[in-house]
């Protein structure tokens, strides 16, 4: 057994243990609002099953994405909340058991992406993404700042209580951060058929995962308390769509294969090589 397989097995075992604890531990309210308790264990089970039985690239990537979606709310959103509570940025006590569960989920998720294994994507893998995908992502990301502007102008469209006509620091921060999506469109089109810088793909992956995690956790909280469903769907749904579009675009930003156009089919030689690799795995 190789060192990579031992490390991967230990990491997934830690994630499974964290998933069992999450099911048994009476977590604090903010933990339950951020992620269902069974997601961590379900994510590890999906990773193990697809890693063991999936024989071709497509099902393996599907298993990786399903496991990632299940682990993200705990491994990303809740981990960030625990860290903010630990440093005192959020004035609520830390749930140490839930914090350890988040760490275990994060370790399991990191092992799926960075430790060599059946589900780990190739560094030069490309996804033929349609040109409208980043456009939809950017449009979704601008929904919330557009609503914030309307609320500041006194227009009540799905506005939470006490937000209409209010212009404060939160308003400026939200709009400023969300408008960062506009340059993202220029970046995506600039590198669409050109080699991307080495930092572009990792940055897109981290940002996309963070957006997807926040969107999924927010939608789960809306489902538990549908009082503000209209606003929650627009905000967190927009983040989920934006993050998904960023991740799809990241699959296209490959320094090794960046010179190929999106619509261009792969060469027969490349197809034969990939088929041969799938048969031998």
C-alpha atoms as a PDB file:
ATOM      1  CA  UNK A   1       0.000   0.000   0.000  1.00  0.00           C
ATOM      2  CA  UNK A   2       1.439   3.357  -1.051  1.00  0.00           C
ATOM      3  CA  UNK A   3       1.913   6.383   1.169  1.00  0.00           C
ATOM      4  CA  UNK A   4      -0.746   8.272  -0.791  1.00  0.00           C
ATOM      5  CA  UNK A   5      -3.323   5.532  -0.284  1.00  0.00           C
ATOM      6  CA  UNK A   6      -2.537   5.410   3.445  1.00  0.00           C
ATOM      7  CA  UNK A   7      -2.883   9.178   3.746  1.00  0.00           C
ATOM      8  CA  UNK A   8      -6.109   9.159   1.739  1.00  0.00           C
ATOM      9  CA  UNK A   9      -7.544   6.329   3.828  1.00  0.00           C
ATOM     10  CA  UNK A  10      -6.620   8.037   7.092  1.00  0.00           C
ATOM     11  CA  UNK A  11      -8.131  11.327   5.931  1.00  0.00           C
ATOM     12  CA  UNK A  12     -11.394   9.727   4.836  1.00  0.00           C
ATOM     13  CA  UNK A  13     -11.457   7.725   8.073  1.00  0.00           C
ATOM     14  CA  UNK A  14     -11.126  10.961  10.031  1.00  0.00           C
ATOM     15  CA  UNK A  15     -13.944  12.423   7.947  1.00  0.00           C
ATOM     16  CA  UNK A  16     -16.139   9.394   8.615  1.00  0.00           C
ATOM     17  CA  UNK A  17     -15.491   9.673  12.356  1.00  0.00           C
ATOM     18  CA  UNK A  18     -16.368  13.367  12.205  1.00  0.00           C
ATOM     19  CA  UNK A  19     -19.558  12.472  10.346  1.00  0.00           C
ATOM     20  CA  UNK A  20     -20.611  10.024  13.034  1.00  0.00           C
ATOM     21  CA  UNK A  21     -19.927  12.615  15.749  1.00  0.00           C
ATOM     22  CA  UNK A  22     -21.979  15.168  13.796  1.00  0.00           C
ATOM     23  CA  UNK A  23     -24.931  12.779  13.826  1.00  0.00           C
ATOM     24  CA  UNK A  24     -24.693  12.141  17.570  1.00  0.00           C
ATOM     25  CA  UNK A  25     -23.651  15.567  18.876  1.00  0.00           C
ATOM     26  CA  UNK A  26     -26.400  18.049  19.901  1.00  0.00           C
ATOM     27  CA  UNK A  27     -24.893  20.912  17.906  1.00  0.00           C
ATOM     28  CA  UNK A  28     -25.454  24.595  18.549  1.00  0.00           C
ATOM     29  CA  UNK A  29     -28.104  26.441  16.568  1.00  0.00           C
ATOM     30  CA  UNK A  30     -25.747  28.136  14.126  1.00  0.00           C
ATOM     31  CA  UNK A  31     -24.248  24.736  13.232  1.00  0.00           C
ATOM     32  CA  UNK A  32     -27.629  23.186  12.517  1.00  0.00           C
ATOM     33  CA  UNK A  33     -28.560  26.222  10.417  1.00  0.00           C
ATOM     34  CA  UNK A  34     -25.413  25.888   8.319  1.00  0.00           C
ATOM     35  CA  UNK A  35     -25.440  22.216   7.358  1.00  0.00           C
ATOM     36  CA  UNK A  36     -27.535  19.068   7.901  1.00  0.00           C
ATOM     37  CA  UNK A  37     -25.867  16.770  10.409  1.00  0.00           C
ATOM     38  CA  UNK A  38     -25.733  13.830   8.011  1.00  0.00           C
ATOM     39  CA  UNK A  39     -23.929  15.608   5.173  1.00  0.00           C
ATOM     40  CA  UNK A  40     -20.375  14.859   6.334  1.00  0.00           C
ATOM     41  CA  UNK A  41     -20.858  11.111   6.636  1.00  0.00           C
ATOM     42  CA  UNK A  42     -22.816  11.026   3.374  1.00  0.00           C
ATOM     43  CA  UNK A  43     -19.999  12.848   1.595  1.00  0.00           C
ATOM     44  CA  UNK A  44     -17.384  10.368   2.793  1.00  0.00           C
ATOM     45  CA  UNK A  45     -19.586   7.397   1.833  1.00  0.00           C
ATOM     46  CA  UNK A  46     -20.089   8.811  -1.673  1.00  0.00           C
ATOM     47  CA  UNK A  47     -16.341   9.365  -2.068  1.00  0.00           C
ATOM     48  CA  UNK A  48     -15.519   5.821  -0.986  1.00  0.00           C
ATOM     49  CA  UNK A  49     -18.190   4.205  -3.153  1.00  0.00           C
ATOM     50  CA  UNK A  50     -17.323   6.136  -6.320  1.00  0.00           C
ATOM     51  CA  UNK A  51     -13.599   5.727  -5.710  1.00  0.00           C
ATOM     52  CA  UNK A  52     -14.022   1.977  -5.411  1.00  0.00           C
ATOM     53  CA  UNK A  53     -16.548   1.205  -8.133  1.00  0.00           C
ATOM     54  CA  UNK A  54     -16.336   4.003 -10.732  1.00  0.00           C
ATOM     55  CA  UNK A  55     -14.212   2.824 -13.672  1.00  0.00           C
ATOM     56  CA  UNK A  56     -14.189   5.776 -16.061  1.00  0.00           C
ATOM     57  CA  UNK A  57     -13.396   9.467 -15.795  1.00  0.00           C
ATOM     58  CA  UNK A  58     -16.970  10.775 -16.022  1.00  0.00           C
ATOM     59  CA  UNK A  59     -18.425   8.839 -13.065  1.00  0.00           C
ATOM     60  CA  UNK A  60     -15.298   9.544 -11.021  1.00  0.00           C
ATOM     61  CA  UNK A  61     -15.626  13.290 -11.510  1.00  0.00           C
ATOM     62  CA  UNK A  62     -19.338  13.034 -10.742  1.00  0.00           C
ATOM     63  CA  UNK A  63     -18.549  11.265  -7.473  1.00  0.00           C
ATOM     64  CA  UNK A  64     -15.931  13.876  -6.620  1.00  0.00           C
ATOM     65  CA  UNK A  65     -18.384  16.728  -7.206  1.00  0.00           C
ATOM     66  CA  UNK A  66     -21.202  15.062  -5.221  1.00  0.00           C
ATOM     67  CA  UNK A  67     -18.891  14.346  -2.278  1.00  0.00           C
ATOM     68  CA  UNK A  68     -17.541  17.907  -2.455  1.00  0.00           C
ATOM     69  CA  UNK A  69     -21.034  19.410  -2.421  1.00  0.00           C
ATOM     70  CA  UNK A  70     -21.937  17.356   0.656  1.00  0.00           C
ATOM     71  CA  UNK A  71     -18.738  18.188   2.565  1.00  0.00           C
ATOM     72  CA  UNK A  72     -18.492  21.881   1.676  1.00  0.00           C
ATOM     73  CA  UNK A  73     -21.070  23.376   4.091  1.00  0.00           C
ATOM     74  CA  UNK A  74     -19.336  21.829   7.104  1.00  0.00           C
ATOM     75  CA  UNK A  75     -15.759  21.892   5.825  1.00  0.00           C
ATOM     76  CA  UNK A  76     -15.946  25.465   4.564  1.00  0.00           C
ATOM     77  CA  UNK A  77     -18.854  27.573   5.845  1.00  0.00           C
ATOM     78  CA  UNK A  78     -18.964  26.201   9.380  1.00  0.00           C
ATOM     79  CA  UNK A  79     -15.178  26.091   9.637  1.00  0.00           C
ATOM     80  CA  UNK A  80     -15.050  29.814   8.790  1.00  0.00           C
ATOM     81  CA  UNK A  81     -17.711  30.533  11.431  1.00  0.00           C
ATOM     82  CA  UNK A  82     -15.770  28.556  14.044  1.00  0.00           C
ATOM     83  CA  UNK A  83     -12.591  30.471  13.231  1.00  0.00           C
ATOM     84  CA  UNK A  84     -14.383  33.821  13.465  1.00  0.00           C
ATOM     85  CA  UNK A  85     -15.779  32.842  16.843  1.00  0.00           C
ATOM     86  CA  UNK A  86     -12.373  31.664  18.029  1.00  0.00           C
ATOM     87  CA  UNK A  87     -10.730  35.035  17.287  1.00  0.00           C
ATOM     88  CA  UNK A  88     -13.667  36.959  18.736  1.00  0.00           C
ATOM     89  CA  UNK A  89     -14.892  38.442  15.462  1.00  0.00           C
ATOM     90  CA  UNK A  90     -18.348  36.981  16.160  1.00  0.00           C
ATOM     91  CA  UNK A  91     -19.484  37.384  19.784  1.00  0.00           C
ATOM     92  CA  UNK A  92     -20.830  33.885  20.344  1.00  0.00           C
ATOM     93  CA  UNK A  93     -19.229  30.932  22.150  1.00  0.00           C
ATOM     94  CA  UNK A  94     -17.405  28.297  20.142  1.00  0.00           C
ATOM     95  CA  UNK A  95     -18.833  24.786  19.981  1.00  0.00           C
ATOM     96  CA  UNK A  96     -15.540  22.833  20.254  1.00  0.00           C
ATOM     97  CA  UNK A  97     -17.004  19.485  19.193  1.00  0.00           C
ATOM     98  CA  UNK A  98     -18.600  20.988  16.089  1.00  0.00           C
ATOM     99  CA  UNK A  99     -15.348  22.803  15.363  1.00  0.00           C
ATOM    100  CA  UNK A 100     -13.484  19.473  15.377  1.00  0.00           C
ATOM    101  CA  UNK A 101     -16.164  18.000  13.096  1.00  0.00           C
ATOM    102  CA  UNK A 102     -15.544  20.861  10.666  1.00  0.00           C
ATOM    103  CA  UNK A 103     -11.796  20.213  10.748  1.00  0.00           C
ATOM    104  CA  UNK A 104     -12.362  16.510  10.057  1.00  0.00           C
ATOM    105  CA  UNK A 105     -14.634  17.311   7.127  1.00  0.00           C
ATOM    106  CA  UNK A 106     -12.082  19.787   5.766  1.00  0.00           C
ATOM    107  CA  UNK A 107      -9.289  17.193   5.976  1.00  0.00           C
ATOM    108  CA  UNK A 108     -11.435  14.633   4.130  1.00  0.00           C
ATOM    109  CA  UNK A 109     -12.341  17.155   1.439  1.00  0.00           C
ATOM    110  CA  UNK A 110      -8.729  18.262   0.977  1.00  0.00           C
ATOM    111  CA  UNK A 111      -7.607  14.654   0.585  1.00  0.00           C
ATOM    112  CA  UNK A 112     -10.074  14.130  -2.268  1.00  0.00           C
ATOM    113  CA  UNK A 113      -8.610  17.032  -4.222  1.00  0.00           C
ATOM    114  CA  UNK A 114      -4.908  16.989  -3.336  1.00  0.00           C
ATOM    115  CA  UNK A 115      -3.923  13.401  -2.470  1.00  0.00           C
ATOM    116  CA  UNK A 116      -3.394  11.159  -5.527  1.00  0.00           C
ATOM    117  CA  UNK A 117      -6.311   8.782  -5.846  1.00  0.00           C
ATOM    118  CA  UNK A 118      -9.092   7.542  -8.127  1.00  0.00           C
ATOM    119  CA  UNK A 119     -11.237  10.671  -7.711  1.00  0.00           C
ATOM    120  CA  UNK A 120      -8.500  13.275  -7.907  1.00  0.00           C
ATOM    121  CA  UNK A 121      -8.818  15.316 -11.122  1.00  0.00           C
ATOM    122  CA  UNK A 122      -5.839  15.468 -13.456  1.00  0.00           C
ATOM    123  CA  UNK A 123      -3.927  18.726 -13.339  1.00  0.00           C
ATOM    124  CA  UNK A 124      -4.369  19.179 -17.103  1.00  0.00           C
ATOM    125  CA  UNK A 125      -8.038  18.167 -17.256  1.00  0.00           C
ATOM    126  CA  UNK A 126     -10.231  20.528 -19.260  1.00  0.00           C
ATOM    127  CA  UNK A 127     -13.989  20.941 -19.235  1.00  0.00           C
ATOM    128  CA  UNK A 128     -15.598  22.217 -22.459  1.00  0.00           C
ATOM    129  CA  UNK A 129     -17.679  24.979 -20.899  1.00  0.00           C
ATOM    130  CA  UNK A 130     -20.163  26.953 -23.052  1.00  0.00           C
ATOM    131  CA  UNK A 131     -19.451  30.664 -23.331  1.00  0.00           C
ATOM    132  CA  UNK A 132     -22.701  31.626 -21.568  1.00  0.00           C
ATOM    133  CA  UNK A 133     -21.701  29.934 -18.293  1.00  0.00           C
ATOM    134  CA  UNK A 134     -19.523  32.775 -16.912  1.00  0.00           C
ATOM    135  CA  UNK A 135     -22.116  35.278 -18.134  1.00  0.00           C
ATOM    136  CA  UNK A 136     -24.826  33.565 -16.093  1.00  0.00           C
ATOM    137  CA  UNK A 137     -22.512  33.398 -13.085  1.00  0.00           C
ATOM    138  CA  UNK A 138     -21.707  37.091 -13.204  1.00  0.00           C
ATOM    139  CA  UNK A 139     -25.377  37.988 -13.707  1.00  0.00           C
ATOM    140  CA  UNK A 140     -26.339  35.897 -10.666  1.00  0.00           C
ATOM    141  CA  UNK A 141     -23.667  37.546  -8.550  1.00  0.00           C
ATOM    142  CA  UNK A 142     -25.046  41.001  -9.332  1.00  0.00           C
ATOM    143  CA  UNK A 143     -28.592  40.236  -8.129  1.00  0.00           C
ATOM    144  CA  UNK A 144     -27.865  40.986  -4.484  1.00  0.00           C
ATOM    145  CA  UNK A 145     -26.009  44.300  -4.963  1.00  0.00           C
ATOM    146  CA  UNK A 146     -28.750  45.407  -7.369  1.00  0.00           C
ATOM    147  CA  UNK A 147     -31.361  44.685  -4.706  1.00  0.00           C
ATOM    148  CA  UNK A 148     -29.289  46.529  -2.110  1.00  0.00           C
ATOM    149  CA  UNK A 149     -29.234  49.604  -4.337  1.00  0.00           C
ATOM    150  CA  UNK A 150     -33.001  49.432  -4.834  1.00  0.00           C
ATOM    151  CA  UNK A 151     -33.534  49.094  -1.090  1.00  0.00           C
ATOM    152  CA  UNK A 152     -31.289  52.090  -0.471  1.00  0.00           C
ATOM    153  CA  UNK A 153     -33.411  54.090  -2.933  1.00  0.00           C
ATOM    154  CA  UNK A 154     -36.566  53.165  -1.043  1.00  0.00           C
ATOM    155  CA  UNK A 155     -37.861  50.431  -3.364  1.00  0.00           C
ATOM    156  CA  UNK A 156     -39.317  47.522  -1.378  1.00  0.00           C
ATOM    157  CA  UNK A 157     -38.657  44.361  -3.424  1.00  0.00           C
ATOM    158  CA  UNK A 158     -38.232  41.307  -1.184  1.00  0.00           C
ATOM    159  CA  UNK A 159     -36.542  43.574   1.354  1.00  0.00           C
ATOM    160  CA  UNK A 160     -35.873  42.300   4.892  1.00  0.00           C
ATOM    161  CA  UNK A 161     -37.283  44.402   7.747  1.00  0.00           C
ATOM    162  CA  UNK A 162     -35.587  47.758   8.422  1.00  0.00           C
ATOM    163  CA  UNK A 163     -33.511  47.722   5.222  1.00  0.00           C
ATOM    164  CA  UNK A 164     -35.490  50.012   2.910  1.00  0.00           C
ATOM    165  CA  UNK A 165     -33.870  53.449   2.666  1.00  0.00           C
ATOM    166  CA  UNK A 166     -30.891  52.377   4.784  1.00  0.00           C
ATOM    167  CA  UNK A 167     -27.371  53.181   3.554  1.00  0.00           C
ATOM    168  CA  UNK A 168     -24.733  52.004   5.987  1.00  0.00           C
ATOM    169  CA  UNK A 169     -21.331  50.322   6.061  1.00  0.00           C
ATOM    170  CA  UNK A 170     -22.904  46.932   5.315  1.00  0.00           C
ATOM    171  CA  UNK A 171     -24.499  48.361   2.185  1.00  0.00           C
ATOM    172  CA  UNK A 172     -21.216  49.718   0.813  1.00  0.00           C
ATOM    173  CA  UNK A 173     -19.255  46.584   1.722  1.00  0.00           C
ATOM    174  CA  UNK A 174     -21.776  44.229   0.132  1.00  0.00           C
ATOM    175  CA  UNK A 175     -22.029  46.176  -3.099  1.00  0.00           C
ATOM    176  CA  UNK A 176     -18.261  46.672  -3.357  1.00  0.00           C
ATOM    177  CA  UNK A 177     -17.469  42.992  -2.821  1.00  0.00           C
ATOM    178  CA  UNK A 178     -20.189  41.761  -5.158  1.00  0.00           C
ATOM    179  CA  UNK A 179     -19.142  44.125  -7.955  1.00  0.00           C
ATOM    180  CA  UNK A 180     -15.865  42.212  -8.095  1.00  0.00           C
ATOM    181  CA  UNK A 181     -17.779  39.831 -10.368  1.00  0.00           C
ATOM    182  CA  UNK A 182     -17.688  42.381 -13.197  1.00  0.00           C
ATOM    183  CA  UNK A 183     -13.886  42.122 -13.735  1.00  0.00           C
ATOM    184  CA  UNK A 184     -14.311  38.349 -13.444  1.00  0.00           C
ATOM    185  CA  UNK A 185     -16.162  38.408 -16.751  1.00  0.00           C
ATOM    186  CA  UNK A 186     -13.256  40.192 -18.455  1.00  0.00           C
ATOM    187  CA  UNK A 187     -10.822  37.701 -16.933  1.00  0.00           C
ATOM    188  CA  UNK A 188     -12.873  34.721 -18.116  1.00  0.00           C
ATOM    189  CA  UNK A 189     -13.167  36.003 -21.675  1.00  0.00           C
ATOM    190  CA  UNK A 190      -9.522  37.130 -21.807  1.00  0.00           C
ATOM    191  CA  UNK A 191      -8.251  33.654 -20.899  1.00  0.00           C
ATOM    192  CA  UNK A 192     -10.984  31.724 -22.623  1.00  0.00           C
ATOM    193  CA  UNK A 193      -8.750  30.599 -25.501  1.00  0.00           C
ATOM    194  CA  UNK A 194      -5.340  31.465 -24.082  1.00  0.00           C
ATOM    195  CA  UNK A 195      -3.004  29.880 -21.530  1.00  0.00           C
ATOM    196  CA  UNK A 196      -3.985  30.992 -18.043  1.00  0.00           C
ATOM    197  CA  UNK A 197      -1.480  32.141 -15.388  1.00  0.00           C
ATOM    198  CA  UNK A 198      -0.567  29.428 -12.907  1.00  0.00           C
ATOM    199  CA  UNK A 199      -2.451  31.136 -10.063  1.00  0.00           C
ATOM    200  CA  UNK A 200      -5.723  31.566 -11.978  1.00  0.00           C
ATOM    201  CA  UNK A 201      -7.096  28.052 -11.640  1.00  0.00           C
ATOM    202  CA  UNK A 202      -6.375  27.548  -7.905  1.00  0.00           C
ATOM    203  CA  UNK A 203      -7.811  30.991  -7.157  1.00  0.00           C
ATOM    204  CA  UNK A 204     -10.959  30.201  -9.134  1.00  0.00           C
ATOM    205  CA  UNK A 205     -11.347  26.860  -7.361  1.00  0.00           C
ATOM    206  CA  UNK A 206     -11.018  28.393  -3.893  1.00  0.00           C
ATOM    207  CA  UNK A 207     -13.387  31.243  -4.698  1.00  0.00           C
ATOM    208  CA  UNK A 208     -15.901  28.948  -6.379  1.00  0.00           C
ATOM    209  CA  UNK A 209     -15.903  26.477  -3.503  1.00  0.00           C
ATOM    210  CA  UNK A 210     -16.387  29.284  -0.988  1.00  0.00           C
ATOM    211  CA  UNK A 211     -19.345  30.708  -2.921  1.00  0.00           C
ATOM    212  CA  UNK A 212     -20.947  27.294  -3.362  1.00  0.00           C
ATOM    213  CA  UNK A 213     -20.506  26.522   0.335  1.00  0.00           C
ATOM    214  CA  UNK A 214     -22.027  29.824   1.437  1.00  0.00           C
ATOM    215  CA  UNK A 215     -24.861  29.456  -1.050  1.00  0.00           C
ATOM    216  CA  UNK A 216     -25.678  25.899  -0.008  1.00  0.00           C
ATOM    217  CA  UNK A 217     -25.555  26.739   3.698  1.00  0.00           C
ATOM    218  CA  UNK A 218     -27.721  29.812   3.179  1.00  0.00           C
ATOM    219  CA  UNK A 219     -30.329  27.881   1.213  1.00  0.00           C
ATOM    220  CA  UNK A 220     -30.408  25.222   3.935  1.00  0.00           C
ATOM    221  CA  UNK A 221     -31.044  27.934   6.528  1.00  0.00           C
ATOM    222  CA  UNK A 222     -33.826  29.357   4.350  1.00  0.00           C
ATOM    223  CA  UNK A 223     -35.399  25.902   4.092  1.00  0.00           C
ATOM    224  CA  UNK A 224     -35.371  25.581   7.890  1.00  0.00           C
ATOM    225  CA  UNK A 225     -36.902  29.038   8.372  1.00  0.00           C
ATOM    226  CA  UNK A 226     -38.759  30.124   5.221  1.00  0.00           C
ATOM    227  CA  UNK A 227     -39.842  33.496   6.669  1.00  0.00           C
ATOM    228  CA  UNK A 228     -37.384  35.364   4.439  1.00  0.00           C
ATOM    229  CA  UNK A 229     -37.488  32.863   1.584  1.00  0.00           C
ATOM    230  CA  UNK A 230     -37.779  35.439  -1.216  1.00  0.00           C
ATOM    231  CA  UNK A 231     -34.644  37.324  -0.206  1.00  0.00           C
ATOM    232  CA  UNK A 232     -32.785  34.150   0.723  1.00  0.00           C
ATOM    233  CA  UNK A 233     -33.419  32.509  -2.633  1.00  0.00           C
ATOM    234  CA  UNK A 234     -32.237  35.589  -4.506  1.00  0.00           C
ATOM    235  CA  UNK A 235     -29.129  36.052  -2.377  1.00  0.00           C
ATOM    236  CA  UNK A 236     -27.956  32.524  -1.601  1.00  0.00           C
ATOM    237  CA  UNK A 237     -29.289  31.090  -4.853  1.00  0.00           C
ATOM    238  CA  UNK A 238     -27.292  33.738  -6.691  1.00  0.00           C
ATOM    239  CA  UNK A 239     -24.150  32.804  -4.777  1.00  0.00           C
ATOM    240  CA  UNK A 240     -24.694  29.127  -5.582  1.00  0.00           C
ATOM    241  CA  UNK A 241     -25.082  29.835  -9.299  1.00  0.00           C
ATOM    242  CA  UNK A 242     -22.119  32.210  -9.260  1.00  0.00           C
ATOM    243  CA  UNK A 243     -19.894  29.674  -7.489  1.00  0.00           C
ATOM    244  CA  UNK A 244     -20.919  26.890  -9.868  1.00  0.00           C
ATOM    245  CA  UNK A 245     -20.079  29.094 -12.852  1.00  0.00           C
ATOM    246  CA  UNK A 246     -16.697  29.979 -11.331  1.00  0.00           C
ATOM    247  CA  UNK A 247     -15.888  26.299 -10.788  1.00  0.00           C
ATOM    248  CA  UNK A 248     -16.911  25.459 -14.350  1.00  0.00           C
ATOM    249  CA  UNK A 249     -14.719  28.252 -15.674  1.00  0.00           C
ATOM    250  CA  UNK A 250     -11.856  27.009 -13.480  1.00  0.00           C
ATOM    251  CA  UNK A 251     -12.054  23.705 -15.296  1.00  0.00           C
ATOM    252  CA  UNK A 252     -11.275  25.608 -18.483  1.00  0.00           C
ATOM    253  CA  UNK A 253      -8.361  27.634 -17.071  1.00  0.00           C
ATOM    254  CA  UNK A 254      -5.633  25.083 -17.624  1.00  0.00           C
ATOM    255  CA  UNK A 255      -2.100  26.394 -18.261  1.00  0.00           C
ATOM    256  CA  UNK A 256      -1.229  23.155 -20.054  1.00  0.00           C
ATOM    257  CA  UNK A 257      -4.153  23.212 -22.490  1.00  0.00           C
ATOM    258  CA  UNK A 258      -5.212  26.824 -22.450  1.00  0.00           C
ATOM    259  CA  UNK A 259      -4.562  27.418 -26.143  1.00  0.00           C
ATOM    260  CA  UNK A 260      -7.447  25.197 -27.264  1.00  0.00           C
ATOM    261  CA  UNK A 261     -10.757  26.906 -27.903  1.00  0.00           C
ATOM    262  CA  UNK A 262     -13.893  25.974 -25.994  1.00  0.00           C
ATOM    263  CA  UNK A 263     -15.852  24.755 -28.969  1.00  0.00           C
ATOM    264  CA  UNK A 264     -12.989  22.814 -30.539  1.00  0.00           C
ATOM    265  CA  UNK A 265     -13.284  19.058 -30.231  1.00  0.00           C
ATOM    266  CA  UNK A 266     -10.448  17.053 -28.788  1.00  0.00           C
ATOM    267  CA  UNK A 267      -8.097  15.401 -31.214  1.00  0.00           C
ATOM    268  CA  UNK A 268      -8.533  11.667 -31.949  1.00  0.00           C
ATOM    269  CA  UNK A 269      -5.096  11.012 -30.506  1.00  0.00           C
ATOM    270  CA  UNK A 270      -6.062  12.710 -27.224  1.00  0.00           C
ATOM    271  CA  UNK A 271      -9.300  10.717 -27.145  1.00  0.00           C
ATOM    272  CA  UNK A 272      -7.440   7.447 -27.711  1.00  0.00           C
ATOM    273  CA  UNK A 273      -4.986   8.298 -24.922  1.00  0.00           C
ATOM    274  CA  UNK A 274      -7.773   9.056 -22.459  1.00  0.00           C
ATOM    275  CA  UNK A 275      -9.672   5.885 -23.426  1.00  0.00           C
ATOM    276  CA  UNK A 276      -6.523   3.809 -22.925  1.00  0.00           C
ATOM    277  CA  UNK A 277      -6.023   5.413 -19.479  1.00  0.00           C
ATOM    278  CA  UNK A 278      -9.610   4.618 -18.471  1.00  0.00           C
ATOM    279  CA  UNK A 279      -9.252   0.999 -19.539  1.00  0.00           C
ATOM    280  CA  UNK A 280      -6.102   0.531 -17.507  1.00  0.00           C
ATOM    281  CA  UNK A 281      -7.526   2.051 -14.269  1.00  0.00           C
END
